[in-house]
Protein backbone atom coordinates (compact mmCIF):
# COMPACT_ATOMS: atom_id res chain seq x y z
CA MET A 1 -37.93 21.04 -5.10
CA SER A 2 -36.05 20.74 -1.84
CA ALA A 3 -32.30 20.68 -1.70
CA GLU A 4 -30.97 17.44 -0.27
CA HIS A 5 -27.92 17.66 1.92
CA GLY A 6 -25.25 14.99 1.87
CA PRO A 7 -23.74 13.51 5.00
CA SER A 8 -21.41 15.55 7.14
CA ALA A 9 -17.71 14.73 7.21
CA GLY A 10 -18.10 12.73 10.43
CA GLU A 11 -21.05 10.75 9.08
CA TYR A 12 -19.18 10.00 5.85
CA ILE A 13 -16.10 8.72 7.72
CA GLY A 14 -18.26 6.74 10.15
CA HIS A 15 -20.09 5.05 7.29
CA HIS A 16 -16.88 4.03 5.54
CA LEU A 17 -15.28 2.79 8.75
CA THR A 18 -18.20 0.40 9.35
CA HIS A 19 -19.06 -0.61 5.77
CA LEU A 20 -18.00 -4.07 4.51
CA GLN A 21 -16.63 -5.34 7.82
CA ASN A 22 -16.74 -8.96 8.95
CA LYS A 23 -18.32 -7.94 12.29
CA PRO A 24 -19.02 -4.79 14.32
CA MET A 25 -16.15 -3.36 16.33
CA GLY A 26 -16.06 -4.34 19.99
CA GLY A 27 -14.16 -1.27 21.14
CA ILE A 28 -11.86 1.50 20.00
CA VAL A 29 -9.17 -1.01 18.99
CA ASP A 30 -10.35 -4.41 17.80
CA PHE A 31 -7.84 -6.43 15.78
CA THR A 32 -10.42 -9.12 14.93
CA VAL A 33 -12.32 -6.78 12.56
CA PHE A 34 -11.38 -6.92 8.88
CA ASN A 35 -12.38 -4.29 6.32
CA MET A 36 -13.10 -6.36 3.22
CA ASP A 37 -12.73 -3.48 0.75
CA SER A 38 -9.32 -2.54 2.18
CA LEU A 39 -8.18 -6.17 2.08
CA PHE A 40 -9.34 -6.50 -1.54
CA TRP A 41 -7.42 -3.44 -2.70
CA ALA A 42 -4.29 -4.23 -0.66
CA ILE A 43 -4.08 -7.79 -1.99
CA SER A 44 -4.91 -6.73 -5.56
CA LEU A 45 -2.26 -3.99 -5.62
CA GLY A 46 0.27 -6.30 -3.97
CA VAL A 47 -0.27 -8.96 -6.65
CA ILE A 48 -0.03 -6.36 -9.44
CA GLY A 49 3.15 -4.93 -7.90
CA CYS A 50 4.73 -8.38 -7.63
CA MET A 51 3.81 -9.13 -11.24
CA VAL A 52 5.39 -5.88 -12.45
CA MET A 53 8.57 -6.56 -10.44
CA TRP A 54 8.72 -10.15 -11.75
CA LEU A 55 8.28 -8.92 -15.31
CA ALA A 56 11.03 -6.33 -14.85
CA ALA A 57 13.37 -8.94 -13.33
CA ARG A 58 12.70 -11.31 -16.22
CA ARG A 59 13.50 -8.64 -18.81
CA ALA A 60 16.49 -7.14 -16.95
CA THR A 61 19.72 -6.74 -18.89
CA SER A 62 23.22 -5.88 -17.76
CA GLY A 63 23.63 -3.36 -20.58
CA VAL A 64 21.44 -0.34 -21.14
CA PRO A 65 18.25 -0.76 -19.06
CA GLY A 66 14.83 -0.54 -20.64
CA ARG A 67 12.09 1.79 -19.39
CA LEU A 68 10.52 -0.79 -17.07
CA GLN A 69 13.87 -1.76 -15.56
CA ALA A 70 14.77 1.89 -15.05
CA ALA A 71 11.42 2.56 -13.35
CA VAL A 72 11.88 -0.39 -10.99
CA GLU A 73 15.43 0.72 -10.19
CA LEU A 74 14.18 4.24 -9.41
CA MET A 75 11.50 2.85 -7.07
CA LYS A 76 14.10 0.66 -5.32
CA GLU A 77 16.46 3.61 -4.88
CA MET A 78 13.61 5.77 -3.54
CA VAL A 79 12.68 3.17 -0.91
CA ASP A 80 16.35 2.70 -0.01
CA ALA A 81 16.89 6.45 0.41
CA GLN A 82 13.81 6.75 2.63
CA ALA A 83 14.93 3.81 4.75
CA LYS A 84 18.41 5.33 5.15
CA SER A 85 16.92 8.62 6.33
CA LEU A 86 14.72 6.88 8.92
CA VAL A 87 16.90 3.97 10.11
CA HIS A 88 20.56 4.91 10.48
CA ASN A 89 21.89 1.48 11.53
CA ALA A 90 22.78 -0.63 8.47
CA GLU A 91 21.98 -3.94 10.21
CA SER A 92 18.55 -2.77 11.34
CA ARG A 93 17.81 -1.33 7.91
CA LYS A 94 18.05 -4.82 6.32
CA VAL A 95 14.75 -5.66 8.02
CA VAL A 96 13.01 -2.51 6.73
CA ALA A 97 14.10 -2.20 3.09
CA PRO A 98 16.14 -3.96 0.41
């Protein structure tokens, strides 16, 4: 029985950079090429994230927050803190984060 070798790291990356594309790349940078698997996951996770945020906003209370509301508030504060560390101007930061 012979041992089969898998692809090298370069072959593996090359396969996944060309798999499920709408057309072959025309050069090093080609903005007309879409990776369908990446689009699927990005749109799916975006919809799920919006649904979770909508659900948390619908259930939000002004008193003691529930677990979902607290989790959403923590995520919002994390994004805000990262934006403040990267963009120091308050007016410019409005474009980057809430």
